[in-house]
Amino acid sequence: MTRRLALLLLLLCWSAPASAEPTPAKPLEFAVQFDPAVRSTPFTGRIILFLSDKLSGEPRASHSWLSRQPVFGQEVRDWKPGEVLHITNPDGFPFPLRELPKGRYAIQAVLHTNPDVPHSGTAEGNLYSKPAKRKLDPATSGVVPLRINQIVASRKSEMNLPLAKELRLKSKLLSSFHGRDIFLRAVVVLPEVYEKEPQRRFNAIYVIPGFGADHRGAAMYAQVLGISKEPFVRIGLDGVCPLGHHVYADSDNNGPWGAALVEELIPHLEKEFRLIPEPKARLLTGHSSGGWSSLWLQITYPDYFGGVWSTSPDSVNFHDFSGIDLYDPASNFFNDAKGQPRPIMREDGKVRLLLKDFARMEDVIGPGGQLHSFEAVFGPRGKDGRPLRLWDRKTGKIDADVVRAWRRFDIVDKLQREWPTVGPRLAGKITVIMGEEDNFYLEGATQRLKEALAKLGSDARVFMEPGKDHGTILFSPPFRAMLREMSNCVALPETQPARRQTP
């Protein structure tokens, strides 16, 4: 029995398969395809990967300045439908892909295919994948497949209500500049008496929104202003362009947006909506980037507009660009003179976001962020067709040549240079309202504006409101007095400066 048992065991050993070798762990990579059904031609541009450790919802739609959820970006060229793209070393924020913390994530890939808006996960017409949920370890996760087969839906039909009309007008100036069709957009909100008095002509308030908002957002903001004695037509303008917010300035990169507004859109609106075609009947307001825009338009076209009420404007003087003196050769974009990292956003007195982190996040996502927007508007166009960079992305060193080009858009500097001719034409036309605790450190530049205008002998009013920030300024007395002052302004004779009482 013993010999037979030994023989049987020997036979079993011979017939048993050899134990499999363990498969070596491979580093994390994403294998992405896009379906021919959503795009039938090759893609050249940027692919963005949005990740979130909050597994509900869609990462592409929940990314924000303060979220610090991982995002990765990579430029691609001639990527064909159905072809697998292996992403192994993309640009990353807030860390490289190889330093991604282990954990479970929802992941979405986005192709930025909409040429008319900044890079984002939610721009209509962009292509994206459904969320994939995976446990990720950058050292061992291997290949994670993602399939792009969804299209961001177009917005609902245009806003055409009895008292709100959405308008789109092809711009000859901008289309010529860009070599393709570019449209000016606006929402026109009519007063209740508009239809009741068909022979009457109306004064207009042009409202420019802040960064990221379009003409619809501007129209909503126009209603926040409140009820006015004068039945104004309120016109929400669109500030969005591929490189961010064009601020209605004529720039090397965005094109002649200011000229397109005053030469094309406003004359069209005045004809179509019975607006009074006179300077005093064209009033301006805007908030944040829209605050800068409205102030820029007033001082650039002093005889065309009858007054501006600018709230929380972006930096109006580059001696204090959110705390940075761009004209100082020793300044660094990322760190102050003591080597401490510069903040870019605060809330309730506490720093919420560092400038270096904010800049890196924008670079990873791609063109169209807030800082990119400044470079596009203020800076020259490079040989590659892109805006020249203000600062070195690794060291924070500021390019003095680019700063010199920016100077033409320094509002304080422009006013000082042109005051002998422009000053008398701005009499009674400038109001700026700023909180002393602005979330984005914009109050320093506005204080410089106030001091400069006082030295020039201007009657401009610059309100620095204690205890107010970027948003709560909308509850300040000067803001609440805006519509009353606008009503008084249009009631004045054309030859009389639009002087207003301090609220």
Protein backbone atom coordinates (compact mmCIF):
# COMPACT_ATOMS: atom_id res chain seq x y z
CA MET A 1 0.00 0.00 0.00
CA THR A 2 2.77 2.37 0.81
CA ARG A 3 4.45 1.99 -2.62
CA ARG A 4 1.11 2.39 -4.42
CA LEU A 5 0.24 5.50 -2.40
CA ALA A 6 3.63 7.01 -3.12
CA LEU A 7 3.22 6.34 -6.83
CA LEU A 8 -0.26 7.89 -6.84
CA LEU A 9 0.99 11.02 -5.10
CA LEU A 10 3.85 11.27 -7.59
CA LEU A 11 1.43 11.05 -10.52
CA LEU A 12 -0.79 13.73 -9.00
CA CYS A 13 2.17 16.05 -8.63
CA TRP A 14 3.13 15.56 -12.26
CA SER A 15 -0.39 16.26 -13.46
CA ALA A 16 -1.00 19.36 -11.28
CA PRO A 17 -0.53 22.68 -13.14
CA ALA A 18 2.35 24.87 -12.09
CA SER A 19 1.29 27.77 -9.82
CA ALA A 20 0.81 31.03 -11.81
CA GLU A 21 3.39 33.81 -11.46
CA PRO A 22 1.86 36.95 -9.77
CA THR A 23 1.17 39.72 -12.29
CA PRO A 24 3.47 42.69 -11.65
CA ALA A 25 1.64 45.81 -10.51
CA LYS A 26 1.64 48.60 -13.07
CA PRO A 27 1.47 52.36 -12.44
CA LEU A 28 -1.82 54.15 -12.94
CA GLU A 29 -2.67 55.35 -16.43
CA PHE A 30 -5.89 56.35 -18.16
CA ALA A 31 -6.81 54.76 -21.48
CA VAL A 32 -9.29 57.11 -23.14
CA GLN A 33 -11.33 56.82 -26.34
CA PHE A 34 -13.99 58.98 -27.89
CA ASP A 35 -16.81 57.46 -29.89
CA PRO A 36 -17.25 58.27 -33.59
CA ALA A 37 -20.93 58.80 -32.74
CA VAL A 38 -20.10 61.99 -30.81
CA ARG A 39 -17.24 63.16 -33.06
CA SER A 40 -16.36 61.73 -36.44
CA THR A 41 -13.19 63.76 -37.06
CA PRO A 42 -9.78 63.82 -35.31
CA PHE A 43 -9.41 66.08 -32.28
CA THR A 44 -6.66 68.58 -31.60
CA GLY A 45 -6.88 70.42 -28.30
CA ARG A 46 -7.00 69.69 -24.60
CA ILE A 47 -8.39 66.73 -22.71
CA ILE A 48 -9.20 67.35 -19.05
CA LEU A 49 -9.64 64.67 -16.37
CA PHE A 50 -11.75 65.66 -13.39
CA LEU A 51 -11.53 63.49 -10.26
CA SER A 52 -13.47 63.68 -7.01
CA ASP A 53 -13.42 61.68 -3.79
CA LYS A 54 -17.06 62.67 -3.40
CA LEU A 55 -18.53 59.83 -5.40
CA SER A 56 -21.99 61.27 -6.00
CA GLY A 57 -22.65 63.60 -8.91
CA GLU A 58 -20.28 64.47 -11.74
CA PRO A 59 -16.72 65.69 -11.04
CA ARG A 60 -16.70 67.79 -14.24
CA ALA A 61 -19.61 69.85 -12.90
CA SER A 62 -18.49 70.19 -9.27
CA HIS A 63 -14.97 71.51 -9.73
CA SER A 64 -14.44 74.96 -8.22
CA TRP A 65 -11.66 77.32 -7.21
CA LEU A 66 -11.79 76.11 -3.61
CA SER A 67 -12.54 72.42 -4.06
CA ARG A 68 -8.91 71.25 -4.48
CA GLN A 69 -10.23 68.08 -6.08
CA PRO A 70 -7.68 66.53 -8.48
CA VAL A 71 -7.69 67.69 -12.09
CA PHE A 72 -5.34 66.72 -14.90
CA GLY A 73 -4.88 68.14 -18.40
CA GLN A 74 -3.02 67.19 -21.57
CA GLU A 75 -2.73 68.63 -25.06
CA VAL A 76 -3.39 66.19 -27.91
CA ARG A 77 -3.04 66.43 -31.67
CA ASP A 78 -4.91 64.57 -34.42
CA TRP A 79 -6.45 62.09 -31.98
CA LYS A 80 -8.70 59.87 -34.06
CA PRO A 81 -12.16 58.55 -33.13
CA GLY A 82 -11.94 55.13 -31.48
CA GLU A 83 -8.18 55.38 -30.99
CA VAL A 84 -6.94 54.69 -27.45
CA LEU A 85 -5.06 57.59 -25.86
CA HIS A 86 -2.80 56.55 -22.97
CA ILE A 87 -2.44 59.32 -20.39
CA THR A 88 0.47 58.63 -18.07
CA ASN A 89 2.06 61.97 -17.17
CA PRO A 90 -0.45 64.82 -17.57
CA ASP A 91 -0.28 68.28 -16.02
CA GLY A 92 -1.80 67.99 -12.57
CA PHE A 93 -3.33 69.98 -9.75
CA PRO A 94 -3.01 70.04 -6.77
CA PHE A 95 -0.37 67.33 -7.33
CA PRO A 96 1.10 65.25 -10.16
CA LEU A 97 -0.63 62.01 -11.09
CA ARG A 98 2.15 59.98 -9.45
CA GLU A 99 1.38 61.71 -6.12
CA LEU A 100 -2.39 61.16 -6.21
CA PRO A 101 -3.47 60.05 -2.72
CA LYS A 102 -4.74 56.49 -2.60
CA GLY A 103 -8.50 56.29 -2.41
CA ARG A 104 -11.74 55.80 -4.22
CA TYR A 105 -12.59 58.40 -6.87
CA ALA A 106 -15.17 59.30 -9.46
CA ILE A 107 -13.41 60.12 -12.74
CA GLN A 108 -14.58 61.94 -15.86
CA ALA A 109 -12.77 62.85 -19.06
CA VAL A 110 -13.74 65.99 -21.00
CA LEU A 111 -12.79 67.09 -24.50
CA HIS A 112 -12.93 70.84 -24.88
CA THR A 113 -14.50 71.18 -28.33
CA ASN A 114 -16.39 74.48 -27.95
CA PRO A 115 -14.20 77.22 -29.48
CA ASP A 116 -16.29 80.12 -28.16
CA VAL A 117 -15.89 79.70 -24.40
CA PRO A 118 -13.14 79.05 -21.83
CA HIS A 119 -12.03 75.53 -21.00
CA SER A 120 -14.37 73.85 -18.53
CA GLY A 121 -16.23 70.65 -17.81
CA THR A 122 -19.65 72.10 -18.48
CA ALA A 123 -19.38 74.19 -21.67
CA GLU A 124 -22.16 73.26 -24.06
CA GLY A 125 -21.00 71.12 -26.95
CA ASN A 126 -18.02 69.69 -25.04
CA LEU A 127 -17.68 65.90 -25.03
CA TYR A 128 -17.34 63.85 -21.86
CA SER A 129 -17.41 60.39 -20.32
CA LYS A 130 -19.86 59.11 -17.75
CA PRO A 131 -18.39 59.02 -14.22
CA ALA A 132 -16.27 55.93 -13.57
CA LYS A 133 -15.75 54.97 -9.93
CA ARG A 134 -12.45 53.29 -9.11
CA LYS A 135 -10.14 52.67 -6.22
CA LEU A 136 -6.91 54.32 -7.33
CA ASP A 137 -3.31 53.84 -6.30
CA PRO A 138 -0.86 55.69 -8.57
CA ALA A 139 1.74 52.95 -8.11
CA THR A 140 -0.39 49.86 -8.75
CA SER A 141 -3.76 50.65 -10.34
CA GLY A 142 -2.67 49.97 -13.91
CA VAL A 143 -4.93 50.92 -16.81
CA VAL A 144 -8.24 52.69 -16.12
CA PRO A 145 -10.41 52.83 -19.26
CA LEU A 146 -12.60 55.86 -19.98
CA ARG A 147 -14.98 56.19 -22.91
CA ILE A 148 -16.11 59.63 -24.07
CA ASN A 149 -19.59 59.23 -25.53
CA GLN A 150 -21.64 62.11 -24.11
CA ILE A 151 -22.23 65.69 -25.30
CA VAL A 152 -22.93 68.63 -22.99
CA ALA A 153 -26.43 69.68 -23.99
CA SER A 154 -27.12 73.09 -25.46
CA ARG A 155 -28.89 75.56 -23.25
CA LYS A 156 -32.62 75.90 -23.32
CA SER A 157 -34.23 78.10 -25.92
CA GLU A 158 -33.41 81.79 -25.98
CA MET A 159 -34.84 84.04 -23.32
CA ASN A 160 -37.77 85.60 -25.17
CA LEU A 161 -40.39 86.64 -22.66
CA PRO A 162 -42.82 89.57 -22.90
CA LEU A 163 -40.35 91.85 -21.13
CA ALA A 164 -37.04 90.08 -21.82
CA LYS A 165 -35.58 89.58 -25.28
CA GLU A 166 -32.38 87.71 -26.09
CA LEU A 167 -30.42 89.05 -29.03
CA ARG A 168 -27.52 87.75 -31.11
CA LEU A 169 -25.77 89.97 -33.65
CA LYS A 170 -22.89 88.93 -35.91
CA SER A 171 -19.96 91.30 -35.46
CA LYS A 172 -18.14 92.25 -38.65
CA LEU A 173 -15.23 93.66 -36.64
CA LEU A 174 -14.70 90.59 -34.47
CA SER A 175 -15.41 88.11 -37.25
CA SER A 176 -12.78 89.79 -39.41
CA PHE A 177 -10.26 89.71 -36.55
CA HIS A 178 -10.78 86.00 -35.77
CA GLY A 179 -11.45 84.76 -39.28
CA ARG A 180 -14.73 83.09 -38.28
CA ASP A 181 -18.20 84.17 -37.24
CA ILE A 182 -18.27 85.91 -33.84
CA PHE A 183 -21.54 87.07 -32.32
CA LEU A 184 -22.39 89.83 -29.86
CA ARG A 185 -25.03 88.73 -27.35
CA ALA A 186 -27.35 90.62 -25.05
CA VAL A 187 -30.55 90.25 -23.05
CA VAL A 188 -32.81 93.29 -23.23
CA VAL A 189 -35.14 93.71 -20.24
CA LEU A 190 -37.95 96.14 -21.03
CA PRO A 191 -39.89 98.27 -18.53
CA GLU A 192 -43.61 97.59 -18.08
CA VAL A 193 -44.58 100.81 -19.88
CA TYR A 194 -42.66 99.84 -23.02
CA GLU A 195 -45.63 98.29 -24.84
CA LYS A 196 -48.15 100.75 -23.38
CA GLU A 197 -46.32 103.75 -24.85
CA PRO A 198 -45.24 102.71 -28.37
CA GLN A 199 -44.07 106.20 -29.33
CA ARG A 200 -41.86 106.69 -26.30
CA ARG A 201 -38.06 106.37 -26.40
CA PHE A 202 -36.12 105.10 -23.39
CA ASN A 203 -32.86 105.54 -21.54
CA ALA A 204 -30.64 102.47 -21.22
CA ILE A 205 -28.49 100.89 -18.53
CA TYR A 206 -25.76 98.63 -19.91
CA VAL A 207 -24.84 95.95 -17.37
CA ILE A 208 -21.59 93.97 -17.64
CA PRO A 209 -21.27 90.80 -15.53
CA GLY A 210 -18.29 89.49 -13.61
CA PHE A 211 -15.94 86.73 -14.66
CA GLY A 212 -17.70 83.58 -15.84
CA ALA A 213 -21.14 85.14 -16.30
CA ASP A 214 -22.80 85.79 -19.63
CA HIS A 215 -25.58 88.11 -20.83
CA ARG A 216 -28.22 86.08 -19.01
CA GLY A 217 -26.35 86.44 -15.74
CA ALA A 218 -25.96 90.15 -16.43
CA ALA A 219 -29.72 90.49 -17.01
CA MET A 220 -30.39 88.83 -13.65
CA TYR A 221 -27.89 91.16 -11.99
CA ALA A 222 -29.63 94.12 -13.64
CA GLN A 223 -32.80 93.20 -11.77
CA VAL A 224 -30.89 93.06 -8.46
CA LEU A 225 -30.34 96.79 -8.81
CA GLY A 226 -33.96 97.28 -7.71
CA ILE A 227 -36.86 99.44 -8.85
CA SER A 228 -36.14 102.77 -10.48
CA LYS A 229 -38.18 105.94 -10.85
CA GLU A 230 -37.08 106.14 -14.48
CA PRO A 231 -38.35 103.28 -16.69
CA PHE A 232 -34.95 102.19 -17.99
CA VAL A 233 -34.33 99.51 -20.58
CA ARG A 234 -31.79 97.29 -18.86
CA ILE A 235 -29.37 95.49 -21.16
CA GLY A 236 -27.32 92.54 -19.96
CA LEU A 237 -24.09 92.21 -21.97
CA ASP A 238 -22.03 89.06 -22.50
CA GLY A 239 -18.46 89.15 -21.20
CA VAL A 240 -17.51 85.57 -22.11
CA CYS A 241 -14.88 84.79 -24.75
CA PRO A 242 -12.56 81.80 -25.34
CA LEU A 243 -9.75 83.37 -23.30
CA GLY A 244 -11.92 84.37 -20.35
CA HIS A 245 -13.61 87.76 -20.00
CA HIS A 246 -12.91 90.24 -22.81
CA VAL A 247 -13.93 93.24 -20.61
CA TYR A 248 -15.00 95.18 -23.72
CA ALA A 249 -11.45 96.32 -24.33
CA ASP A 250 -9.76 96.25 -27.73
CA SER A 251 -6.92 93.79 -27.20
CA ASP A 252 -4.23 92.03 -29.23
CA ASN A 253 -5.59 88.59 -28.38
CA ASN A 254 -9.36 88.95 -28.05
CA GLY A 255 -9.95 91.53 -30.74
CA PRO A 256 -11.86 94.84 -30.86
CA TRP A 257 -14.63 94.16 -28.34
CA GLY A 258 -14.96 97.80 -27.27
CA ALA A 259 -15.28 99.02 -30.84
CA ALA A 260 -17.76 96.25 -31.64
CA LEU A 261 -19.94 97.35 -28.71
CA VAL A 262 -20.10 101.05 -29.55
CA GLU A 263 -20.04 100.76 -33.34
CA GLU A 264 -22.20 97.69 -33.88
CA LEU A 265 -24.23 96.43 -30.93
CA ILE A 266 -25.40 99.66 -29.29
CA PRO A 267 -26.51 101.31 -32.56
CA HIS A 268 -28.45 98.14 -33.37
CA LEU A 269 -30.09 98.09 -29.93
CA GLU A 270 -31.01 101.76 -30.13
CA LYS A 271 -32.73 101.17 -33.43
CA GLU A 272 -34.52 97.96 -32.46
CA PHE A 273 -35.71 98.92 -28.96
CA ARG A 274 -36.50 102.63 -29.21
CA LEU A 275 -33.54 103.73 -27.13
CA ILE A 276 -32.53 107.37 -26.96
CA PRO A 277 -29.37 107.69 -29.10
CA GLU A 278 -27.67 110.25 -26.88
CA PRO A 279 -24.66 109.98 -24.53
CA LYS A 280 -26.58 110.87 -21.37
CA ALA A 281 -29.07 108.07 -22.14
CA ARG A 282 -26.32 105.43 -22.13
CA LEU A 283 -25.37 104.54 -18.57
CA LEU A 284 -22.95 101.83 -17.47
CA THR A 285 -22.59 99.54 -14.49
CA GLY A 286 -20.87 96.25 -13.78
CA HIS A 287 -19.40 94.16 -11.00
CA SER A 288 -15.91 92.69 -10.56
CA SER A 289 -14.51 92.12 -14.08
CA GLY A 290 -17.69 93.87 -15.22
CA GLY A 291 -16.82 96.73 -12.86
CA TRP A 292 -13.45 97.10 -14.56
CA SER A 293 -15.14 96.82 -17.99
CA SER A 294 -17.71 99.52 -17.31
CA LEU A 295 -15.10 101.92 -15.93
CA TRP A 296 -12.81 101.23 -18.90
CA LEU A 297 -15.59 101.94 -21.39
CA GLN A 298 -16.48 105.23 -19.72
CA ILE A 299 -12.93 106.59 -19.71
CA THR A 300 -12.16 105.22 -23.19
CA TYR A 301 -15.34 106.61 -24.75
CA PRO A 302 -15.95 109.65 -22.50
CA ASP A 303 -18.29 111.36 -24.96
CA TYR A 304 -20.28 108.24 -25.81
CA PHE A 305 -21.53 107.28 -22.33
CA GLY A 306 -23.26 109.42 -19.75
CA GLY A 307 -21.98 107.89 -16.53
CA VAL A 308 -20.60 104.77 -14.87
CA TRP A 309 -21.30 103.09 -11.52
CA SER A 310 -18.51 100.52 -11.16
CA THR A 311 -18.60 98.05 -8.25
CA SER A 312 -15.68 95.95 -6.95
CA PRO A 313 -13.64 96.44 -10.15
CA ASP A 314 -10.63 94.26 -10.92
CA SER A 315 -7.28 95.94 -10.31
CA VAL A 316 -7.43 99.45 -11.77
CA ASN A 317 -3.75 100.16 -11.07
CA PHE A 318 -0.87 97.75 -11.65
CA HIS A 319 1.15 99.18 -8.78
CA ASP A 320 -1.32 97.08 -6.76
CA PHE A 321 -2.42 94.08 -8.83
CA SER A 322 -4.20 92.19 -6.04
CA GLY A 323 -1.29 93.18 -3.82
CA ILE A 324 1.56 92.91 -6.35
CA ASP A 325 3.48 95.92 -7.63
CA LEU A 326 4.02 94.76 -11.20
CA TYR A 327 6.22 97.76 -11.95
CA ASP A 328 8.75 96.84 -9.22
CA PRO A 329 11.58 94.77 -10.79
CA ALA A 330 12.01 92.96 -7.47
CA SER A 331 8.41 91.72 -7.34
CA ASN A 332 7.69 88.03 -7.69
CA PHE A 333 4.27 86.79 -8.75
CA PHE A 334 4.12 83.90 -6.27
CA ASN A 335 5.90 85.27 -3.16
CA ASP A 336 6.10 88.60 -1.37
CA ALA A 337 9.28 90.45 -0.39
CA LYS A 338 9.63 88.21 2.69
CA GLY A 339 9.37 85.05 0.65
CA GLN A 340 5.88 84.26 1.90
CA PRO A 341 3.33 82.86 -0.58
CA ARG A 342 0.91 85.46 -1.86
CA PRO A 343 -2.80 84.96 -1.22
CA ILE A 344 -5.39 85.60 -3.94
CA MET A 345 -8.60 85.04 -1.99
CA ARG A 346 -9.74 85.56 1.59
CA GLU A 347 -12.98 85.08 3.45
CA ASP A 348 -13.85 86.49 6.86
CA GLY A 349 -10.26 87.60 7.24
CA LYS A 350 -8.81 84.13 6.55
CA VAL A 351 -6.79 83.19 3.48
CA ARG A 352 -8.71 80.66 1.39
CA LEU A 353 -6.55 80.41 -1.73
CA LEU A 354 -2.90 81.02 -2.59
CA LEU A 355 -1.99 82.70 -5.85
CA LYS A 356 0.49 80.00 -6.88
CA ASP A 357 -2.11 77.25 -6.42
CA PHE A 358 -4.75 79.25 -8.26
CA ALA A 359 -2.40 79.89 -11.18
CA ARG A 360 -1.42 76.23 -11.38
CA MET A 361 -5.03 75.05 -11.38
CA GLU A 362 -5.86 77.37 -14.28
CA ASP A 363 -2.87 76.19 -16.30
CA VAL A 364 -3.89 72.55 -15.85
CA ILE A 365 -7.46 73.13 -17.01
CA GLY A 366 -6.42 75.28 -19.96
CA PRO A 367 -7.04 78.74 -21.43
CA GLY A 368 -9.83 80.92 -20.13
CA GLY A 369 -9.23 81.18 -16.39
CA GLN A 370 -9.28 84.48 -14.51
CA LEU A 371 -5.50 85.00 -14.62
CA HIS A 372 -5.36 83.81 -18.22
CA SER A 373 -8.06 86.37 -18.95
CA PHE A 374 -5.85 89.19 -17.68
CA GLU A 375 -2.93 87.99 -19.80
CA ALA A 376 -5.17 87.81 -22.87
CA VAL A 377 -6.68 91.29 -22.46
CA PHE A 378 -3.67 93.24 -21.25
CA GLY A 379 -0.76 91.43 -22.90
CA PRO A 380 0.73 91.19 -26.38
CA ARG A 381 0.19 88.27 -28.71
CA GLY A 382 3.12 85.88 -29.04
CA LYS A 383 4.53 84.35 -32.20
CA ASP A 384 2.59 81.15 -31.44
CA GLY A 385 -0.67 83.09 -31.50
CA ARG A 386 -1.12 82.88 -27.73
CA PRO A 387 -0.94 85.66 -25.12
CA LEU A 388 2.56 86.30 -23.81
CA ARG A 389 2.89 85.15 -20.23
CA LEU A 390 3.27 87.72 -17.48
CA TRP A 391 5.14 85.42 -15.11
CA ASP A 392 7.38 82.35 -15.30
CA ARG A 393 5.20 79.38 -14.38
CA LYS A 394 7.93 77.72 -12.29
CA THR A 395 9.72 80.61 -10.58
CA GLY A 396 7.08 83.38 -10.51
CA LYS A 397 9.52 85.85 -12.10
CA ILE A 398 7.60 88.70 -13.77
CA ASP A 399 8.47 89.63 -17.35
CA ALA A 400 9.21 93.38 -17.42
CA ASP A 401 8.61 93.61 -21.18
CA VAL A 402 5.11 92.17 -20.78
CA VAL A 403 4.42 94.59 -17.92
CA ARG A 404 5.30 97.49 -20.19
CA ALA A 405 2.74 96.24 -22.69
CA TRP A 406 0.15 95.88 -19.91
CA ARG A 407 0.58 99.55 -18.94
CA ARG A 408 -1.82 100.82 -21.60
CA PHE A 409 -4.62 99.08 -19.66
CA ASP A 410 -3.65 100.56 -16.28
CA ILE A 411 -6.69 102.76 -15.63
CA VAL A 412 -4.96 105.07 -13.15
CA ASP A 413 -2.00 105.51 -15.46
CA LYS A 414 -4.29 106.13 -18.45
CA LEU A 415 -6.25 108.79 -16.59
CA GLN A 416 -3.08 110.53 -15.45
CA ARG A 417 -1.62 110.53 -18.97
CA GLU A 418 -4.77 111.70 -20.71
CA TRP A 419 -6.32 113.95 -18.06
CA PRO A 420 -5.76 117.31 -19.81
CA THR A 421 -8.03 116.21 -22.66
CA VAL A 422 -10.23 113.55 -21.09
CA GLY A 423 -10.78 115.07 -17.64
CA PRO A 424 -13.33 117.76 -18.59
CA ARG A 425 -15.31 115.18 -20.59
CA LEU A 426 -15.63 112.92 -17.55
CA ALA A 427 -17.08 115.57 -15.23
CA GLY A 428 -19.81 114.07 -13.07
CA LYS A 429 -19.56 110.69 -14.77
CA ILE A 430 -17.50 108.42 -12.51
CA THR A 431 -18.68 106.50 -9.44
CA VAL A 432 -16.71 103.54 -8.07
CA ILE A 433 -17.85 101.48 -5.08
CA MET A 434 -15.40 99.13 -3.33
CA GLY A 435 -15.39 97.21 -0.06
CA GLU A 436 -12.38 97.75 2.17
CA GLU A 437 -12.24 93.98 2.81
CA ASP A 438 -12.50 92.79 -0.79
CA ASN A 439 -12.11 89.01 -1.05
CA PHE A 440 -9.62 89.32 -3.93
CA TYR A 441 -7.50 92.15 -2.49
CA LEU A 442 -8.77 94.71 -4.99
CA GLU A 443 -9.25 97.56 -2.54
CA GLY A 444 -5.61 98.68 -2.70
CA ALA A 445 -5.77 99.56 -6.39
CA THR A 446 -9.10 101.33 -5.96
CA GLN A 447 -7.68 103.41 -3.11
CA ARG A 448 -4.87 104.45 -5.47
CA LEU A 449 -7.51 105.44 -8.02
CA LYS A 450 -9.28 107.57 -5.42
CA GLU A 451 -6.08 109.36 -4.48
CA ALA A 452 -5.03 109.89 -8.11
CA LEU A 453 -8.40 111.36 -9.09
CA ALA A 454 -8.33 113.71 -6.12
CA LYS A 455 -4.89 114.99 -7.15
CA LEU A 456 -6.18 115.53 -10.69
CA GLY A 457 -9.01 117.67 -9.34
CA SER A 458 -11.69 115.26 -10.52
CA ASP A 459 -15.22 115.30 -9.09
CA ALA A 460 -15.31 111.49 -9.41
CA ARG A 461 -16.66 109.66 -6.38
CA VAL A 462 -14.79 106.60 -5.10
CA PHE A 463 -16.51 105.01 -2.12
CA MET A 464 -14.37 102.77 0.10
CA GLU A 465 -16.92 100.96 2.27
CA PRO A 466 -15.72 99.69 5.69
CA GLY A 467 -16.61 96.10 6.54
CA LYS A 468 -17.77 95.24 3.02
CA ASP A 469 -16.24 92.60 0.77
CA HIS A 470 -16.54 91.66 -2.90
CA GLY A 471 -20.14 90.54 -2.55
CA THR A 472 -21.55 92.37 0.46
CA ILE A 473 -20.74 95.67 -1.24
CA LEU A 474 -24.09 95.13 -2.98
CA PHE A 475 -25.78 95.92 0.34
CA SER A 476 -23.92 99.19 0.89
CA PRO A 477 -25.66 102.61 0.82
CA PRO A 478 -23.81 103.77 -2.33
CA PHE A 479 -24.96 100.68 -4.20
CA ARG A 480 -28.56 101.00 -3.06
CA ALA A 481 -28.55 104.65 -4.21
CA MET A 482 -27.42 103.75 -7.73
CA LEU A 483 -30.78 103.67 -9.52
CA ARG A 484 -31.95 106.88 -7.90
CA GLU A 485 -28.78 108.58 -9.09
CA MET A 486 -29.16 107.16 -12.58
CA SER A 487 -32.71 108.51 -12.74
CA ASN A 488 -31.45 111.94 -11.69
CA CYS A 489 -28.65 111.73 -14.23
CA VAL A 490 -30.88 111.23 -17.28
CA ALA A 491 -33.22 114.00 -16.07
CA LEU A 492 -30.43 116.59 -16.34
CA PRO A 493 -30.04 118.73 -19.47
CA GLU A 494 -27.54 117.31 -21.98
CA THR A 495 -25.12 120.19 -21.40
CA GLN A 496 -25.04 119.84 -17.60
CA PRO A 497 -22.53 117.46 -15.97
CA ALA A 498 -24.23 114.48 -14.36
CA ARG A 499 -23.37 115.46 -10.79
CA ARG A 500 -25.07 113.43 -8.10
CA GLN A 501 -25.58 113.73 -4.40
CA THR A 502 -23.57 111.57 -2.07
CA PRO A 503 -25.87 108.99 -0.50
